[in-house]
């Protein structure tokens, strides 16, 4: 299955590859080099824009595939940053069920997604109102990622693990969680920087009844 919004790029690369192959036969054999390059590009696009079906994990799940860059305390909230490499699936998913009450788009720079200054990059922020409180998912462009494709609109009700958008090529996704639910239960983070996670599958946090918010291993 291909990611929504990727078919134009895949179709164009396949058409160009097919056209150059025909041209190499009818016009000049030297065009076979271009044809091979375009076939390789088409194959890469088909692989890069893959969107596999997944079984949703338990608890609060990762919104993106990739490497956990940072788990940072923000007083009454916790920020989890995930860096998506070229080889990761770039479709992002809802970490929790709820209602998308706000979608904010901000223009900015295109610094490397792993750079601390990437907070000022081009981005789209989804505010999901859920049973555990307000959860933010922030899609952040990187050096090569220039377009964010949103699959949901303001007011949409999303189910945990549902696809909410895609960032093309290397990029970053931040998630901001509350430390407590409206009922006063704790939200405990169960991942650490350096871990690789899969969107919609890997559990990154759980609701517990502990007296304080902790990172795993504390």
Protein backbone atom coordinates (compact mmCIF):
# COMPACT_ATOMS: atom_id res chain seq x y z
CA UNK A 1 0.00 0.00 0.00
CA UNK A 2 1.28 3.46 -0.93
CA UNK A 3 0.91 6.54 1.26
CA UNK A 4 -1.86 8.95 0.36
CA UNK A 5 -0.47 11.89 -1.58
CA UNK A 6 2.43 9.91 -3.04
CA UNK A 7 0.89 8.57 -6.26
CA UNK A 8 1.69 11.69 -8.38
CA UNK A 9 5.43 11.34 -7.62
CA UNK A 10 5.40 7.57 -8.19
CA UNK A 11 3.35 7.83 -11.40
CA UNK A 12 5.58 10.56 -12.83
CA UNK A 13 8.79 8.63 -12.15
CA UNK A 14 7.33 5.46 -13.69
CA UNK A 15 6.14 7.38 -16.77
CA UNK A 16 9.55 8.99 -17.23
CA UNK A 17 11.30 5.64 -16.83
CA UNK A 18 9.00 4.02 -19.39
CA UNK A 19 9.41 6.91 -21.84
CA UNK A 20 13.20 6.87 -21.60
CA UNK A 21 13.24 3.09 -22.12
CA UNK A 22 11.21 3.44 -25.32
CA UNK A 23 13.39 6.36 -26.46
CA UNK A 24 16.56 4.33 -25.91
CA UNK A 25 15.21 1.71 -28.31
CA UNK A 26 13.80 4.07 -30.97
CA UNK A 27 16.24 6.99 -30.82
CA UNK A 28 19.55 6.20 -29.21
CA UNK A 29 20.95 3.31 -27.23
CA UNK A 30 22.85 5.77 -25.04
CA UNK A 31 19.56 6.73 -23.38
CA UNK A 32 19.51 3.37 -21.60
CA UNK A 33 21.67 4.90 -18.85
CA UNK A 34 19.00 7.53 -18.18
CA UNK A 35 16.34 4.83 -18.33
CA UNK A 36 18.11 2.74 -15.68
CA UNK A 37 18.50 5.76 -13.41
CA UNK A 38 14.80 6.57 -13.71
CA UNK A 39 13.84 2.96 -13.01
CA UNK A 40 15.99 3.05 -9.87
CA UNK A 41 14.32 6.32 -8.86
CA UNK A 42 10.86 4.83 -9.43
CA UNK A 43 11.76 1.81 -7.32
CA UNK A 44 13.02 4.10 -4.54
CA UNK A 45 9.84 6.18 -4.57
CA UNK A 46 7.65 3.05 -4.42
CA UNK A 47 9.68 1.80 -1.43
CA UNK A 48 9.91 5.16 0.31
CA UNK A 49 6.18 5.90 0.10
CA UNK A 50 5.16 2.49 1.46
CA UNK A 51 2.37 2.51 4.02
CA UNK A 52 1.97 -0.94 5.62
CA UNK A 53 -1.05 -2.01 7.62
CA UNK A 54 -0.28 -2.30 11.34
CA UNK A 55 -1.76 -3.70 14.51
CA UNK A 56 -2.21 -0.84 16.98
CA UNK A 57 -0.22 -1.09 20.18
CA UNK A 58 -1.33 -0.59 23.76
CA UNK A 59 -1.28 2.62 25.79
CA UNK A 60 -0.15 5.84 24.13
CA UNK A 61 1.64 4.89 20.91
CA UNK A 62 4.37 6.51 18.84
CA UNK A 63 3.09 8.98 16.21
CA UNK A 64 6.06 8.31 13.90
CA UNK A 65 8.60 5.72 12.88
CA UNK A 66 12.16 6.56 13.81
CA UNK A 67 14.77 7.16 16.49
CA UNK A 68 13.82 8.81 19.77
CA UNK A 69 16.03 11.92 19.89
CA UNK A 70 14.81 13.45 23.10
CA UNK A 71 12.48 12.99 26.06
CA UNK A 72 12.28 16.37 27.76
CA UNK A 73 10.46 17.61 30.83
CA UNK A 74 8.31 20.71 30.20
CA UNK A 75 7.07 21.28 33.77
CA UNK A 76 3.50 19.98 33.54
CA UNK A 77 4.10 18.24 30.19
CA UNK A 78 6.62 15.95 28.49
CA UNK A 79 8.04 16.33 24.97
CA UNK A 80 9.10 13.29 22.93
CA UNK A 81 11.02 13.94 19.69
CA UNK A 82 11.32 11.29 16.97
CA UNK A 83 13.74 11.60 14.04
CA UNK A 84 12.58 9.89 10.84
CA UNK A 85 15.38 8.69 8.58
CA UNK A 86 15.02 8.06 4.86
CA UNK A 87 14.51 4.35 5.49
CA UNK A 88 11.63 4.87 7.94
CA UNK A 89 7.95 4.84 6.96
CA UNK A 90 6.95 8.51 6.75
CA UNK A 91 3.22 8.19 7.45
CA UNK A 92 2.33 9.57 10.88
CA UNK A 93 -0.43 8.19 13.11
CA UNK A 94 -2.60 9.37 16.00
CA UNK A 95 -0.99 8.39 19.33
CA UNK A 96 -4.36 8.37 21.12
CA UNK A 97 -8.05 8.50 20.22
CA UNK A 98 -9.73 11.87 20.39
CA UNK A 99 -10.86 14.95 18.47
CA UNK A 100 -8.57 17.19 16.43
CA UNK A 101 -9.58 20.54 17.90
CA UNK A 102 -6.84 22.62 16.23
CA UNK A 103 -4.46 22.38 13.28
CA UNK A 104 -1.81 25.09 13.11
CA UNK A 105 0.56 25.54 10.17
CA UNK A 106 3.72 27.62 10.57
CA UNK A 107 6.26 28.58 7.95
CA UNK A 108 9.89 28.50 8.96
CA UNK A 109 13.37 27.36 8.04
CA UNK A 110 14.61 23.96 6.80
CA UNK A 111 17.40 23.11 9.24
CA UNK A 112 18.38 19.46 9.81
CA UNK A 113 15.55 17.77 11.74
CA UNK A 114 17.97 16.53 14.43
CA UNK A 115 19.25 20.08 15.07
CA UNK A 116 17.98 21.72 18.29
CA UNK A 117 17.17 24.84 16.26
CA UNK A 118 14.75 22.79 14.12
CA UNK A 119 12.04 24.03 16.49
CA UNK A 120 11.85 27.00 14.10
CA UNK A 121 11.38 24.86 10.99
CA UNK A 122 8.32 24.64 8.77
CA UNK A 123 5.69 22.66 10.71
CA UNK A 124 2.12 21.50 11.23
CA UNK A 125 0.75 21.04 14.76
CA UNK A 126 -2.29 18.89 15.57
CA UNK A 127 -3.99 19.39 18.95
CA UNK A 128 -5.88 16.23 19.88
CA UNK A 129 -8.33 16.47 22.77
CA UNK A 130 -8.54 13.03 24.37
CA UNK A 131 -9.51 11.19 27.53
CA UNK A 132 -6.01 11.75 28.94
CA UNK A 133 -6.02 15.47 28.17
CA UNK A 134 -4.69 17.54 25.27
CA UNK A 135 -1.97 15.87 23.18
CA UNK A 136 0.05 17.73 20.55
CA UNK A 137 1.60 16.09 17.50
CA UNK A 138 4.00 18.33 15.57
CA UNK A 139 5.24 17.43 12.09
CA UNK A 140 8.52 19.25 11.43
CA UNK A 141 10.22 19.55 8.05
CA UNK A 142 13.95 18.89 7.68
CA UNK A 143 16.58 19.74 5.06
CA UNK A 144 15.06 17.62 2.29
CA UNK A 145 11.50 17.37 3.58
CA UNK A 146 9.67 20.29 2.02
CA UNK A 147 6.05 19.21 2.12
CA UNK A 148 3.73 18.02 4.86
CA UNK A 149 0.55 16.26 3.72
CA UNK A 150 -2.33 16.33 6.23
CA UNK A 151 -4.94 13.56 6.13
CA UNK A 152 -7.31 15.04 8.73
CA UNK A 153 -9.07 18.36 9.25
CA UNK A 154 -10.05 20.39 12.29
CA UNK A 155 -12.96 18.74 14.06
CA UNK A 156 -12.11 15.24 12.88
CA UNK A 157 -12.46 12.39 15.34
CA UNK A 158 -9.42 10.13 15.17
CA UNK A 159 -8.83 6.63 16.49
CA UNK A 160 -5.51 5.62 18.01
CA UNK A 161 -3.23 4.36 15.24
CA UNK A 162 -5.18 6.16 12.50
CA UNK A 163 -3.11 7.85 9.79
CA UNK A 164 -3.10 11.63 10.23
CA UNK A 165 -0.50 12.77 7.70
CA UNK A 166 2.86 12.33 6.02
CA UNK A 167 6.14 14.25 5.74
CA UNK A 168 8.15 13.66 2.59
CA UNK A 169 11.76 12.55 3.19
CA UNK A 170 13.89 12.96 6.36
CA UNK A 171 12.11 14.89 9.09
CA UNK A 172 11.00 14.96 12.74
CA UNK A 173 7.81 14.50 14.73
CA UNK A 174 7.38 15.88 18.24
CA UNK A 175 4.67 14.76 20.64
CA UNK A 176 3.76 16.70 23.78
CA UNK A 177 1.90 14.78 26.47
CA UNK A 178 0.40 15.95 29.77
CA UNK A 179 1.90 14.45 32.92
CA UNK A 180 -1.51 13.84 34.46
CA UNK A 181 -4.93 12.91 33.13
CA UNK A 182 -7.97 15.05 34.01
CA UNK A 183 -8.75 12.41 36.66
CA UNK A 184 -5.35 12.88 38.28
CA UNK A 185 -3.75 9.62 37.11
CA UNK A 186 -0.09 9.73 36.11
CA UNK A 187 1.13 9.37 32.53
CA UNK A 188 4.38 7.42 32.68
CA UNK A 189 6.90 7.53 29.83
CA UNK A 190 8.24 4.06 28.97
CA UNK A 191 10.77 4.84 26.22
CA UNK A 192 14.19 6.51 26.21
CA UNK A 193 16.38 8.43 23.74
CA UNK A 194 18.10 6.05 21.32
CA UNK A 195 15.16 3.67 21.03
CA UNK A 196 13.64 2.96 17.61
CA UNK A 197 9.84 3.13 17.50
CA UNK A 198 7.10 2.35 14.98
CA UNK A 199 4.11 4.63 14.46
CA UNK A 200 0.88 3.25 15.88
CA UNK A 201 2.63 0.19 17.28
CA UNK A 202 5.26 1.06 19.90
CA UNK A 203 3.95 2.03 23.33
CA UNK A 204 5.67 5.24 24.45
CA UNK A 205 3.61 6.01 27.57
CA UNK A 206 1.02 4.46 29.86
CA UNK A 207 -1.57 5.80 32.28
CA UNK A 208 -0.63 4.68 35.80
CA UNK A 209 -1.62 5.52 39.37
CA UNK A 210 1.91 6.35 40.52
CA UNK A 211 2.47 9.38 42.72
CA UNK A 212 4.93 11.00 40.33
CA UNK A 213 5.77 10.99 36.63
CA UNK A 214 8.85 8.92 35.87
CA UNK A 215 10.97 7.73 32.98
CA UNK A 216 11.45 3.99 32.69
CA UNK A 217 14.28 2.86 34.93
CA UNK A 218 13.93 5.64 37.52
